[in-house]
PDB file of N, CA and C in Angstrom:
ATOM      1  N   MET A   1      -8.676 -15.126  -7.807  1.00  0.00           N
ATOM      2  CA  MET A   1      -7.798 -14.535  -7.270  1.00  0.00           C
ATOM      3  C   MET A   1      -7.583 -13.933  -5.857  1.00  0.00           C
ATOM      4  N   PRO A   2      -7.538 -14.993  -4.805  1.00  0.00           N
ATOM      5  CA  PRO A   2      -7.656 -13.950  -3.632  1.00  0.00           C
ATOM      6  C   PRO A   2      -6.213 -13.043  -2.914  1.00  0.00           C
ATOM      7  N   GLU A   3      -5.520 -13.627  -3.513  1.00  0.00           N
ATOM      8  CA  GLU A   3      -4.522 -12.689  -3.342  1.00  0.00           C
ATOM      9  C   GLU A   3      -4.410 -11.090  -4.141  1.00  0.00           C
ATOM     10  N   ALA A   4      -5.228 -11.071  -5.177  1.00  0.00           N
ATOM     11  CA  ALA A   4      -5.140  -9.415  -5.713  1.00  0.00           C
ATOM     12  C   ALA A   4      -6.575  -8.465  -5.175  1.00  0.00           C
ATOM     13  N   ASP A   5      -6.688  -8.727  -3.918  1.00  0.00           N
ATOM     14  CA  ASP A   5      -7.319  -7.902  -3.217  1.00  0.00           C
ATOM     15  C   ASP A   5      -8.678  -7.365  -4.042  1.00  0.00           C
ATOM     16  N   LEU A   6      -9.114  -7.959  -4.340  1.00  0.00           N
ATOM     17  CA  LEU A   6     -10.542  -8.082  -5.756  1.00  0.00           C
ATOM     18  C   LEU A   6     -11.392  -7.239  -4.769  1.00  0.00           C
ATOM     19  N   ALA A   7     -12.006  -6.993  -3.418  1.00  0.00           N
ATOM     20  CA  ALA A   7     -12.938  -7.115  -2.467  1.00  0.00           C
ATOM     21  C   ALA A   7     -13.772  -6.033  -2.936  1.00  0.00           C
ATOM     22  N   GLU A   8     -13.153  -4.449  -3.097  1.00  0.00           N
ATOM     23  CA  GLU A   8     -13.587  -3.590  -3.346  1.00  0.00           C
ATOM     24  C   GLU A   8     -13.757  -3.024  -5.113  1.00  0.00           C
ATOM     25  N   ASN A   9     -14.043  -1.870  -5.113  1.00  0.00           N
ATOM     26  CA  ASN A   9     -14.475  -1.028  -6.840  1.00  0.00           C
ATOM     27  C   ASN A   9     -12.928  -0.949  -7.896  1.00  0.00           C
ATOM     28  N   PHE A  10     -11.619  -0.937  -6.703  1.00  0.00           N
ATOM     29  CA  PHE A  10     -10.279  -0.350  -7.099  1.00  0.00           C
ATOM     30  C   PHE A  10      -9.473  -1.060  -8.050  1.00  0.00           C
ATOM     31  N   CYS A  11      -8.770   0.266  -8.810  1.00  0.00           N
ATOM     32  CA  CYS A  11      -7.920  -0.492  -9.782  1.00  0.00           C
ATOM     33  C   CYS A  11      -7.167  -1.146  -9.350  1.00  0.00           C
ATOM     34  N   ARG A  12      -6.958  -2.153  -9.960  1.00  0.00           N
ATOM     35  CA  ARG A  12      -5.894  -3.741  -9.891  1.00  0.00           C
ATOM     36  C   ARG A  12      -5.092  -3.889 -11.269  1.00  0.00           C
ATOM     37  N   ASN A  13      -4.695  -4.744 -10.602  1.00  0.00           N
ATOM     38  CA  ASN A  13      -3.600  -5.695 -12.317  1.00  0.00           C
ATOM     39  C   ASN A  13      -3.542  -6.865 -11.927  1.00  0.00           C
ATOM     40  N   PRO A  14      -4.895  -8.313 -11.480  1.00  0.00           N
ATOM     41  CA  PRO A  14      -4.788  -9.327 -10.992  1.00  0.00           C
ATOM     42  C   PRO A  14      -4.140 -10.096 -11.836  1.00  0.00           C
ATOM     43  N   ASP A  15      -4.038  -9.498 -13.520  1.00  0.00           N
ATOM     44  CA  ASP A  15      -3.727 -10.735 -14.220  1.00  0.00           C
ATOM     45  C   ASP A  15      -1.988 -10.442 -14.608  1.00  0.00           C
ATOM     46  N   ASN A  16      -1.943  -9.605 -14.517  1.00  0.00           N
ATOM     47  CA  ASN A  16      -0.203  -9.097 -14.874  1.00  0.00           C
ATOM     48  C   ASN A  16      -0.280  -8.142 -16.135  1.00  0.00           C
ATOM     49  N   ASP A  17      -1.237  -7.378 -15.947  1.00  0.00           N
ATOM     50  CA  ASP A  17      -1.715  -6.225 -17.477  1.00  0.00           C
ATOM     51  C   ASP A  17      -0.557  -5.647 -17.489  1.00  0.00           C
ATOM     52  N   VAL A  18      -0.066  -4.566 -18.845  1.00  0.00           N
ATOM     53  CA  VAL A  18       0.369  -3.397 -18.268  1.00  0.00           C
ATOM     54  C   VAL A  18       0.061  -2.531 -17.707  1.00  0.00           C
ATOM     55  N   SER A  19      -0.856  -2.383 -17.000  1.00  0.00           N
ATOM     56  CA  SER A  19      -0.951  -1.553 -15.848  1.00  0.00           C
ATOM     57  C   SER A  19      -2.357  -1.667 -15.061  1.00  0.00           C
ATOM     58  N   ILE A  20      -2.601  -0.977 -14.492  1.00  0.00           N
ATOM     59  CA  ILE A  20      -4.221  -1.068 -13.384  1.00  0.00           C
ATOM     60  C   ILE A  20      -5.564  -1.006 -13.743  1.00  0.00           C
ATOM     61  N   TRP A  21      -6.401  -1.849 -13.678  1.00  0.00           N
ATOM     62  CA  TRP A  21      -7.609  -1.492 -14.219  1.00  0.00           C
ATOM     63  C   TRP A  21      -8.375  -2.385 -13.872  1.00  0.00           C
ATOM     64  N   CYS A  22      -9.918  -1.943 -14.157  1.00  0.00           N
ATOM     65  CA  CYS A  22     -11.274  -2.486 -14.124  1.00  0.00           C
ATOM     66  C   CYS A  22     -12.010  -2.542 -14.575  1.00  0.00           C
ATOM     67  N   HIS A  23     -13.354  -3.013 -14.020  1.00  0.00           N
ATOM     68  CA  HIS A  23     -14.578  -3.269 -14.809  1.00  0.00           C
ATOM     69  C   HIS A  23     -15.567  -1.900 -15.044  1.00  0.00           C
ATOM     70  N   THR A  24     -15.887  -1.534 -15.942  1.00  0.00           N
ATOM     71  CA  THR A  24     -16.776  -0.356 -16.223  1.00  0.00           C
ATOM     72  C   THR A  24     -18.018  -0.383 -15.771  1.00  0.00           C
ATOM     73  N   MET A  25     -19.100   0.278 -15.783  1.00  0.00           N
ATOM     74  CA  MET A  25     -20.433   0.558 -15.504  1.00  0.00           C
ATOM     75  C   MET A  25     -21.055   0.251 -17.143  1.00  0.00           C
ATOM     76  N   ASN A  26     -19.950   1.182 -17.906  1.00  0.00           N
ATOM     77  CA  ASN A  26     -20.557   0.963 -19.664  1.00  0.00           C
ATOM     78  C   ASN A  26     -20.570  -0.105 -19.709  1.00  0.00           C
ATOM     79  N   PRO A  27     -22.078  -0.363 -20.882  1.00  0.00           N
ATOM     80  CA  PRO A  27     -22.380  -2.092 -21.238  1.00  0.00           C
ATOM     81  C   PRO A  27     -21.436  -2.136 -22.593  1.00  0.00           C
ATOM     82  N   ASP A  28     -21.230  -0.974 -22.966  1.00  0.00           N
ATOM     83  CA  ASP A  28     -20.069  -0.554 -24.265  1.00  0.00           C
ATOM     84  C   ASP A  28     -18.480  -1.079 -23.883  1.00  0.00           C
ATOM     85  N   LYS A  29     -18.548  -0.907 -22.618  1.00  0.00           N
ATOM     86  CA  LYS A  29     -16.886  -1.000 -22.432  1.00  0.00           C
ATOM     87  C   LYS A  29     -16.998  -2.022 -21.261  1.00  0.00           C
ATOM     88  N   MET A  30     -16.448  -3.383 -21.605  1.00  0.00           N
ATOM     89  CA  MET A  30     -16.871  -4.041 -20.194  1.00  0.00           C
ATOM     90  C   MET A  30     -15.525  -3.802 -18.942  1.00  0.00           C
ATOM     91  N   TRP A  31     -14.145  -3.336 -19.501  1.00  0.00           N
ATOM     92  CA  TRP A  31     -13.212  -2.560 -18.639  1.00  0.00           C
ATOM     93  C   TRP A  31     -12.182  -1.640 -19.522  1.00  0.00           C
ATOM     94  N   ASP A  32     -11.649  -1.020 -18.529  1.00  0.00           N
ATOM     95  CA  ASP A  32     -10.797   0.102 -18.979  1.00  0.00           C
ATOM     96  C   ASP A  32      -9.709   0.335 -17.978  1.00  0.00           C
ATOM     97  N   PHE A  33      -8.221   0.456 -18.829  1.00  0.00           N
ATOM     98  CA  PHE A  33      -7.353   1.045 -17.971  1.00  0.00           C
ATOM     99  C   PHE A  33      -7.409   2.505 -16.938  1.00  0.00           C
ATOM    100  N   CYS A  34      -7.279   2.165 -15.931  1.00  0.00           N
ATOM    101  CA  CYS A  34      -6.668   3.049 -15.052  1.00  0.00           C
ATOM    102  C   CYS A  34      -5.409   3.778 -14.496  1.00  0.00           C
ATOM    103  N   ASP A  35      -5.797   5.858 -14.250  1.00  0.00           N
ATOM    104  CA  ASP A  35      -4.738   6.146 -14.202  1.00  0.00           C
ATOM    105  C   ASP A  35      -4.140   6.320 -12.648  1.00  0.00           C
ATOM    106  N   PRO A  36      -3.190   5.537 -12.781  1.00  0.00           N
ATOM    107  CA  PRO A  36      -2.416   5.437 -11.171  1.00  0.00           C
ATOM    108  C   PRO A  36      -2.222   7.086 -10.372  1.00  0.00           C
ATOM    109  N   ILE A  37      -3.516   7.011  -9.047  1.00  0.00           N
ATOM    110  CA  ILE A  37      -3.457   8.075  -7.804  1.00  0.00           C
ATOM    111  C   ILE A  37      -2.567   7.739  -7.188  1.00  0.00           C
ATOM    112  N   ILE A  38      -1.345   8.738  -7.205  1.00  0.00           N
ATOM    113  CA  ILE A  38      -0.425   8.560  -5.838  1.00  0.00           C
ATOM    114  C   ILE A  38      -0.613   9.991  -5.219  1.00  0.00           C
ATOM    115  N   SER A  39      -0.723   9.801  -3.985  1.00  0.00           N
ATOM    116  CA  SER A  39      -0.757  11.057  -3.368  1.00  0.00           C
ATOM    117  C   SER A  39       0.413  11.206  -2.142  1.00  0.00           C
ATOM    118  N   GLU A  40       1.159  12.607  -1.973  1.00  0.00           N
ATOM    119  CA  GLU A  40       2.292  12.373  -1.214  1.00  0.00           C
ATOM    120  C   GLU A  40       1.884  13.272  -0.319  1.00  0.00           C
ATOM    121  N   HIS A  41       0.413  13.543  -0.241  1.00  0.00           N
ATOM    122  CA  HIS A  41      -0.069  13.922   1.157  1.00  0.00           C
ATOM    123  C   HIS A  41      -0.251  13.519   2.596  1.00  0.00           C
ATOM    124  N   MET A  42       0.399  14.574   3.216  1.00  0.00           N
ATOM    125  CA  MET A  42       1.097  13.506   4.813  1.00  0.00           C
ATOM    126  C   MET A  42      -0.310  14.160   5.924  1.00  0.00           C
ATOM    127  N   GLY A  43      -1.034  14.765   5.874  1.00  0.00           N
ATOM    128  CA  GLY A  43      -1.761  14.989   6.770  1.00  0.00           C
ATOM    129  C   GLY A  43      -2.142  13.581   7.882  1.00  0.00           C
ATOM    130  N   TRP A  44      -2.167  14.259   8.877  1.00  0.00           N
ATOM    131  CA  TRP A  44      -3.192  13.653  10.071  1.00  0.00           C
ATOM    132  C   TRP A  44      -1.589  12.243  10.779  1.00  0.00           C
ATOM    133  N   GLY A  45      -0.769  12.548  10.558  1.00  0.00           N
ATOM    134  CA  GLY A  45       0.477  12.000  11.171  1.00  0.00           C
ATOM    135  C   GLY A  45       0.848  10.828  10.026  1.00  0.00           C
ATOM    136  N   GLY A  46       0.280  11.047   8.729  1.00  0.00           N
ATOM    137  CA  GLY A  46       0.282   9.850   7.567  1.00  0.00           C
ATOM    138  C   GLY A  46      -0.409   8.879   6.961  1.00  0.00           C
ATOM    139  N   MET A  47      -1.475   9.291   8.265  1.00  0.00           N
ATOM    140  CA  MET A  47      -2.518   8.087   8.665  1.00  0.00           C
ATOM    141  C   MET A  47      -3.373   8.229   6.577  1.00  0.00           C
ATOM    142  N   ASP A  48      -3.019   9.461   6.095  1.00  0.00           N
ATOM    143  CA  ASP A  48      -4.248   9.354   4.668  1.00  0.00           C
ATOM    144  C   ASP A  48      -3.113   9.190   3.976  1.00  0.00           C
ATOM    145  N   TYR A  49      -1.612   9.002   4.290  1.00  0.00           N
ATOM    146  CA  TYR A  49      -0.942   9.070   3.046  1.00  0.00           C
ATOM    147  C   TYR A  49      -1.108   7.641   2.090  1.00  0.00           C
ATOM    148  N   ARG A  50      -0.892   7.899   0.747  1.00  0.00           N
ATOM    149  CA  ARG A  50      -1.323   7.176  -0.383  1.00  0.00           C
ATOM    150  C   ARG A  50      -0.256   6.855  -1.362  1.00  0.00           C
ATOM    151  N   GLY A  51       1.114   7.555  -1.325  1.00  0.00           N
ATOM    152  CA  GLY A  51       2.146   7.997  -1.855  1.00  0.00           C
ATOM    153  C   GLY A  51       2.838   6.333  -2.029  1.00  0.00           C
ATOM    154  N   ALA A  52       3.952   6.417  -3.019  1.00  0.00           N
ATOM    155  CA  ALA A  52       4.972   5.213  -3.575  1.00  0.00           C
ATOM    156  C   ALA A  52       6.061   4.758  -2.847  1.00  0.00           C
ATOM    157  N   GLN A  53       5.823   5.408  -1.569  1.00  0.00           N
ATOM    158  CA  GLN A  53       7.493   5.515  -0.987  1.00  0.00           C
ATOM    159  C   GLN A  53       7.720   3.733  -0.229  1.00  0.00           C
ATOM    160  N   THR A  54       9.133   2.935  -0.607  1.00  0.00           N
ATOM    161  CA  THR A  54       9.069   1.660  -0.247  1.00  0.00           C
ATOM    162  C   THR A  54      10.365   1.648   0.395  1.00  0.00           C
ATOM    163  N   LYS A  55      11.053   2.631   0.603  1.00  0.00           N
ATOM    164  CA  LYS A  55      12.187   2.749   1.682  1.00  0.00           C
ATOM    165  C   LYS A  55      12.143   3.058   2.725  1.00  0.00           C
ATOM    166  N   THR A  56      12.601   3.272   4.053  1.00  0.00           N
ATOM    167  CA  THR A  56      12.636   3.682   4.905  1.00  0.00           C
ATOM    168  C   THR A  56      13.801   4.336   5.508  1.00  0.00           C
ATOM    169  N   ARG A  57      13.926   5.462   6.547  1.00  0.00           N
ATOM    170  CA  ARG A  57      14.603   6.712   6.358  1.00  0.00           C
ATOM    171  C   ARG A  57      16.267   6.191   6.555  1.00  0.00           C
ATOM    172  N   SER A  58      16.576   4.871   6.764  1.00  0.00           N
ATOM    173  CA  SER A  58      17.647   4.723   6.496  1.00  0.00           C
ATOM    174  C   SER A  58      17.641   3.849   5.519  1.00  0.00           C
ATOM    175  N   GLY A  59      17.267   3.730   4.322  1.00  0.00           N
ATOM    176  CA  GLY A  59      17.410   3.114   2.934  1.00  0.00           C
ATOM    177  C   GLY A  59      16.644   1.837   3.018  1.00  0.00           C
ATOM    178  N   GLU A  60      16.141   0.813   3.705  1.00  0.00           N
ATOM    179  CA  GLU A  60      15.580  -0.530   4.243  1.00  0.00           C
ATOM    180  C   GLU A  60      14.616  -0.448   3.389  1.00  0.00           C
ATOM    181  N   GLU A  61      14.540  -1.614   2.843  1.00  0.00           N
ATOM    182  CA  GLU A  61      13.427  -1.788   2.021  1.00  0.00           C
ATOM    183  C   GLU A  61      12.422  -2.450   2.706  1.00  0.00           C
ATOM    184  N   CYS A  62      10.875  -1.810   2.471  1.00  0.00           N
ATOM    185  CA  CYS A  62      10.034  -2.028   3.107  1.00  0.00           C
ATOM    186  C   CYS A  62       9.123  -3.514   2.702  1.00  0.00           C
ATOM    187  N   MET A  63       8.760  -4.623   3.944  1.00  0.00           N
ATOM    188  CA  MET A  63       7.877  -5.508   3.042  1.00  0.00           C
ATOM    189  C   MET A  63       7.088  -5.451   2.663  1.00  0.00           C
ATOM    190  N   LYS A  64       6.567  -6.515   2.267  1.00  0.00           N
ATOM    191  CA  LYS A  64       4.891  -6.359   1.905  1.00  0.00           C
ATOM    192  C   LYS A  64       3.894  -6.832   2.841  1.00  0.00           C
ATOM    193  N   TRP A  65       3.396  -5.934   3.159  1.00  0.00           N
ATOM    194  CA  TRP A  65       2.229  -5.762   4.429  1.00  0.00           C
ATOM    195  C   TRP A  65       1.462  -6.798   4.399  1.00  0.00           C
ATOM    196  N   SER A  66       0.994  -7.959   3.385  1.00  0.00           N
ATOM    197  CA  SER A  66       0.408  -9.053   3.060  1.00  0.00           C
ATOM    198  C   SER A  66       1.381 -10.341   3.750  1.00  0.00           C
ATOM    199  N   ALA A  67       3.297 -10.011   3.373  1.00  0.00           N
ATOM    200  CA  ALA A  67       4.005 -10.885   3.464  1.00  0.00           C
ATOM    201  C   ALA A  67       3.427 -11.388   5.223  1.00  0.00           C
ATOM    202  N   MET A  68       4.513 -12.458   5.593  1.00  0.00           N
ATOM    203  CA  MET A  68       4.592 -12.845   7.094  1.00  0.00           C
ATOM    204  C   MET A  68       5.927 -13.587   7.453  1.00  0.00           C
ATOM    205  N   ASP A  69       6.627 -12.909   6.213  1.00  0.00           N
ATOM    206  CA  ASP A  69       8.247 -13.722   6.371  1.00  0.00           C
ATOM    207  C   ASP A  69       8.715 -12.147   5.683  1.00  0.00           C
ATOM    208  N   PRO A  70      10.038 -12.319   6.405  1.00  0.00           N
ATOM    209  CA  PRO A  70      10.975 -12.720   8.024  1.00  0.00           C
ATOM    210  C   PRO A  70      10.157 -12.392   9.134  1.00  0.00           C
ATOM    211  N   GLN A  71       9.415 -11.275   8.644  1.00  0.00           N
ATOM    212  CA  GLN A  71       8.419 -10.367  10.197  1.00  0.00           C
ATOM    213  C   GLN A  71       6.931 -11.229  10.287  1.00  0.00           C
ATOM    214  N   ARG A  72       6.726 -11.433  11.071  1.00  0.00           N
ATOM    215  CA  ARG A  72       5.462 -11.732  11.901  1.00  0.00           C
ATOM    216  C   ARG A  72       4.815 -10.592  12.382  1.00  0.00           C
ATOM    217  N   TYR A  73       3.089 -10.446  12.188  1.00  0.00           N
ATOM    218  CA  TYR A  73       2.704  -9.243  12.756  1.00  0.00           C
ATOM    219  C   TYR A  73       1.003  -9.024  12.560  1.00  0.00           C
ATOM    220  N   ASN A  74       0.757  -8.250  13.896  1.00  0.00           N
ATOM    221  CA  ASN A  74      -1.243  -8.288  13.653  1.00  0.00           C
ATOM    222  C   ASN A  74      -1.607  -7.007  12.455  1.00  0.00           C
ATOM    223  N   VAL A  75      -0.800  -5.957  11.990  1.00  0.00           N
ATOM    224  CA  VAL A  75      -0.739  -4.934  11.147  1.00  0.00           C
ATOM    225  C   VAL A  75      -0.790  -5.528   9.774  1.00  0.00           C
ATOM    226  N   ASN A  76      -2.233  -5.879   8.989  1.00  0.00           N
ATOM    227  CA  ASN A  76      -1.968  -6.971   7.248  1.00  0.00           C
ATOM    228  C   ASN A  76      -3.284  -6.178   6.577  1.00  0.00           C
ATOM    229  N   PRO A  77      -3.245  -6.016   5.605  1.00  0.00           N
ATOM    230  CA  PRO A  77      -4.553  -5.573   4.812  1.00  0.00           C
ATOM    231  C   PRO A  77      -5.776  -5.786   5.311  1.00  0.00           C
ATOM    232  N   ALA A  78      -6.125  -7.426   6.133  1.00  0.00           N
ATOM    233  CA  ALA A  78      -7.313  -8.085   6.509  1.00  0.00           C
ATOM    234  C   ALA A  78      -7.624  -7.081   7.496  1.00  0.00           C
ATOM    235  N   ARG A  79      -6.317  -6.703   8.319  1.00  0.00           N
ATOM    236  CA  ARG A  79      -6.890  -6.500   9.724  1.00  0.00           C
ATOM    237  C   ARG A  79      -7.728  -4.431   9.701  1.00  0.00           C
ATOM    238  N   TYR A  80      -6.500  -3.842   8.264  1.00  0.00           N
ATOM    239  CA  TYR A  80      -7.110  -2.805   8.437  1.00  0.00           C
ATOM    240  C   TYR A  80      -6.966  -2.226   6.532  1.00  0.00           C
ATOM    241  N   PRO A  81      -8.508  -3.102   6.609  1.00  0.00           N
ATOM    242  CA  PRO A  81      -8.611  -2.429   4.995  1.00  0.00           C
ATOM    243  C   PRO A  81      -8.784  -1.290   4.294  1.00  0.00           C
ATOM    244  N   TYR A  82      -9.073  -0.304   5.125  1.00  0.00           N
ATOM    245  CA  TYR A  82      -9.196   0.636   4.524  1.00  0.00           C
ATOM    246  C   TYR A  82      -7.439   1.748   4.896  1.00  0.00           C
ATOM    247  N   SER A  83      -6.701   0.957   5.028  1.00  0.00           N
ATOM    248  CA  SER A  83      -5.621   1.572   5.304  1.00  0.00           C
ATOM    249  C   SER A  83      -3.978   1.734   4.191  1.00  0.00           C
ATOM    250  N   GLY A  84      -4.954   1.411   3.406  1.00  0.00           N
ATOM    251  CA  GLY A  84      -3.822   1.439   1.873  1.00  0.00           C
ATOM    252  C   GLY A  84      -2.890   0.352   1.881  1.00  0.00           C
ATOM    253  N   LEU A  85      -3.031  -0.678   2.620  1.00  0.00           N
ATOM    254  CA  LEU A  85      -1.704  -1.405   2.693  1.00  0.00           C
ATOM    255  C   LEU A  85      -1.425  -2.199   2.068  1.00  0.00           C
ATOM    256  N   ASP A  86      -1.345  -1.765   0.473  1.00  0.00           N
ATOM    257  CA  ASP A  86      -1.033  -2.679  -0.630  1.00  0.00           C
ATOM    258  C   ASP A  86       0.285  -2.174  -0.908  1.00  0.00           C
ATOM    259  N   GLU A  87       1.192  -3.590  -1.564  1.00  0.00           N
ATOM    260  CA  GLU A  87       2.301  -4.079  -1.692  1.00  0.00           C
ATOM    261  C   GLU A  87       3.509  -3.988  -0.634  1.00  0.00           C
ATOM    262  N   ASN A  88       4.317  -2.946  -1.043  1.00  0.00           N
ATOM    263  CA  ASN A  88       5.552  -3.002   0.329  1.00  0.00           C
ATOM    264  C   ASN A  88       5.215  -1.441   0.566  1.00  0.00           C
ATOM    265  N   PHE A  89       4.312  -0.718  -0.049  1.00  0.00           N
ATOM    266  CA  PHE A  89       4.430   1.117   0.326  1.00  0.00           C
ATOM    267  C   PHE A  89       4.241   1.468   1.849  1.00  0.00           C
ATOM    268  N   CYS A  90       5.151   2.445   2.093  1.00  0.00           N
ATOM    269  CA  CYS A  90       5.017   3.040   3.735  1.00  0.00           C
ATOM    270  C   CYS A  90       3.531   3.598   3.790  1.00  0.00           C
ATOM    271  N   ARG A  91       2.905   2.979   5.276  1.00  0.00           N
ATOM    272  CA  ARG A  91       1.889   3.946   5.402  1.00  0.00           C
ATOM    273  C   ARG A  91       1.801   4.174   7.147  1.00  0.00           C
ATOM    274  N   ASN A  92       0.153   4.659   7.433  1.00  0.00           N
ATOM    275  CA  ASN A  92       0.404   4.711   8.945  1.00  0.00           C
ATOM    276  C   ASN A  92      -1.051   4.565   9.299  1.00  0.00           C
ATOM    277  N   PRO A  93      -1.353   2.964   9.465  1.00  0.00           N
ATOM    278  CA  PRO A  93      -2.894   2.642   9.301  1.00  0.00           C
ATOM    279  C   PRO A  93      -3.467   2.877  10.946  1.00  0.00           C
ATOM    280  N   TYR A  94      -2.633   3.408  11.833  1.00  0.00           N
ATOM    281  CA  TYR A  94      -3.362   3.868  13.272  1.00  0.00           C
ATOM    282  C   TYR A  94      -2.613   4.745  13.957  1.00  0.00           C
ATOM    283  N   THR A  95      -3.110   5.617  14.785  1.00  0.00           N
ATOM    284  CA  THR A  95      -2.717   7.191  15.410  1.00  0.00           C
ATOM    285  C   THR A  95      -1.650   6.855  16.558  1.00  0.00           C
ATOM    286  N   ASP A  96      -1.041   5.860  16.333  1.00  0.00           N
ATOM    287  CA  ASP A  96      -0.180   5.628  17.942  1.00  0.00           C
ATOM    288  C   ASP A  96       1.509   5.742  17.260  1.00  0.00           C
ATOM    289  N   ARG A  97       1.437   6.070  16.081  1.00  0.00           N
ATOM    290  CA  ARG A  97       3.244   6.420  15.189  1.00  0.00           C
ATOM    291  C   ARG A  97       2.785   7.727  14.845  1.00  0.00           C
ATOM    292  N   LYS A  98       4.032   8.584  14.548  1.00  0.00           N
ATOM    293  CA  LYS A  98       4.062   9.903  14.431  1.00  0.00           C
ATOM    294  C   LYS A  98       4.010   9.987  12.524  1.00  0.00           C
ATOM    295  N   ALA A  99       4.094   9.561  12.408  1.00  0.00           N
ATOM    296  CA  ALA A  99       4.476   9.284  10.464  1.00  0.00           C
ATOM    297  C   ALA A  99       4.327   7.991  10.033  1.00  0.00           C
ATOM    298  N   ILE A 100       5.063   8.080   8.591  1.00  0.00           N
ATOM    299  CA  ILE A 100       4.109   6.577   7.912  1.00  0.00           C
ATOM    300  C   ILE A 100       5.563   5.912   8.376  1.00  0.00           C
ATOM    301  N   TRP A 101       5.282   4.588   7.998  1.00  0.00           N
ATOM    302  CA  TRP A 101       6.282   3.655   8.564  1.00  0.00           C
ATOM    303  C   TRP A 101       6.513   2.205   7.304  1.00  0.00           C
ATOM    304  N   CYS A 102       6.779   1.338   7.891  1.00  0.00           N
ATOM    305  CA  CYS A 102       6.448  -0.260   7.234  1.00  0.00           C
ATOM    306  C   CYS A 102       7.574  -0.957   7.958  1.00  0.00           C
ATOM    307  N   TYR A 103       7.390  -2.105   7.640  1.00  0.00           N
ATOM    308  CA  TYR A 103       8.075  -3.574   8.572  1.00  0.00           C
ATOM    309  C   TYR A 103       8.812  -3.447   7.442  1.00  0.00           C
ATOM    310  N   THR A 104      10.111  -3.749   8.593  1.00  0.00           N
ATOM    311  CA  THR A 104      11.188  -4.305   7.477  1.00  0.00           C
ATOM    312  C   THR A 104      11.844  -5.298   7.137  1.00  0.00           C
ATOM    313  N   THR A 105      12.577  -5.860   6.236  1.00  0.00           N
ATOM    314  CA  THR A 105      12.821  -6.981   5.447  1.00  0.00           C
ATOM    315  C   THR A 105      14.346  -7.234   6.232  1.00  0.00           C
ATOM    316  N   TYR A 106      14.720  -7.156   7.417  1.00  0.00           N
ATOM    317  CA  TYR A 106      16.192  -7.336   8.185  1.00  0.00           C
ATOM    318  C   TYR A 106      15.751  -7.106   9.475  1.00  0.00           C
ATOM    319  N   ASP A 107      16.526  -7.215  10.471  1.00  0.00           N
ATOM    320  CA  ASP A 107      16.331  -7.084  11.947  1.00  0.00           C
ATOM    321  C   ASP A 107      15.493  -6.539  12.739  1.00  0.00           C
ATOM    322  N   GLN A 108      15.720  -5.068  12.609  1.00  0.00           N
ATOM    323  CA  GLN A 108      15.540  -3.903  12.919  1.00  0.00           C
ATOM    324  C   GLN A 108      13.413  -4.157  12.311  1.00  0.00           C
ATOM    325  N   LYS A 109      12.604  -4.624  13.031  1.00  0.00           N
ATOM    326  CA  LYS A 109      11.220  -4.799  12.905  1.00  0.00           C
ATOM    327  C   LYS A 109      10.607  -3.999  12.312  1.00  0.00           C
ATOM    328  N   TRP A 110      10.548  -2.751  12.758  1.00  0.00           N
ATOM    329  CA  TRP A 110       9.725  -1.640  11.486  1.00  0.00           C
ATOM    330  C   TRP A 110      10.513  -0.841  12.165  1.00  0.00           C
ATOM    331  N   GLU A 111      10.366   0.920  10.764  1.00  0.00           N
ATOM    332  CA  GLU A 111      11.210   2.040  10.690  1.00  0.00           C
ATOM    333  C   GLU A 111      10.148   3.052  10.138  1.00  0.00           C
ATOM    334  N   TYR A 112      10.839   4.182  10.755  1.00  0.00           N
ATOM    335  CA  TYR A 112       9.845   5.305   9.640  1.00  0.00           C
ATOM    336  C   TYR A 112       9.960   5.351   8.164  1.00  0.00           C
ATOM    337  N   CYS A 113       9.557   6.233   7.790  1.00  0.00           N
ATOM    338  CA  CYS A 113       9.763   6.322   6.235  1.00  0.00           C
ATOM    339  C   CYS A 113       9.608   7.661   5.988  1.00  0.00           C
ATOM    340  N   ASN A 114      10.427   8.385   5.293  1.00  0.00           N
ATOM    341  CA  ASN A 114      10.043   9.910   4.722  1.00  0.00           C
ATOM    342  C   ASN A 114       9.100   9.869   2.976  1.00  0.00           C
ATOM    343  N   PRO A 115       8.057  10.372   3.132  1.00  0.00           N
ATOM    344  CA  PRO A 115       7.216  10.748   1.922  1.00  0.00           C
ATOM    345  C   PRO A 115       8.799  10.908   0.741  1.00  0.00           C
ATOM    346  N   LEU A 116       8.032  11.165  -0.802  1.00  0.00           N
ATOM    347  CA  LEU A 116       9.090  10.699  -1.451  1.00  0.00           C
ATOM    348  C   LEU A 116       9.649  12.546  -1.795  1.00  0.00           C
ATOM    349  N   THR A 117       8.582  13.181  -1.871  1.00  0.00           N
ATOM    350  CA  THR A 117       8.750  14.732  -1.436  1.00  0.00           C
ATOM    351  C   THR A 117       9.400  15.517  -0.787  1.00  0.00           C
ATOM    352  N   GLU A 118      10.168  14.295   0.417  1.00  0.00           N
ATOM    353  CA  GLU A 118      10.787  15.288   1.465  1.00  0.00           C
ATOM    354  C   GLU A 118      12.654  15.344   0.763  1.00  0.00           C
TER     355      GLU A 118
END
């Protein structure tokens, strides 16, 4: 399942179960569901933001970081593996942007986002 991002020991849902899950270290329990962790913390210009915002400040839908259509770009999960580039969540994988952002699904290539708490 290469699209499932199973390289680390993170909770995932590669088989479309009811929630995210992982294999456990407990020999009596092969796997278990995980409680999703959502952080709306915005330190360091949003570089550590792991919230669930999926829309830009103007209300446009964010593009999945692993997609290459309609935009083509070099910021992706393979190039920035520890930046939380999951799904289409707003992120800030490097320091030259001032806040969380995402690529968009329309003509404007990218836009800033606000965390859900603002």
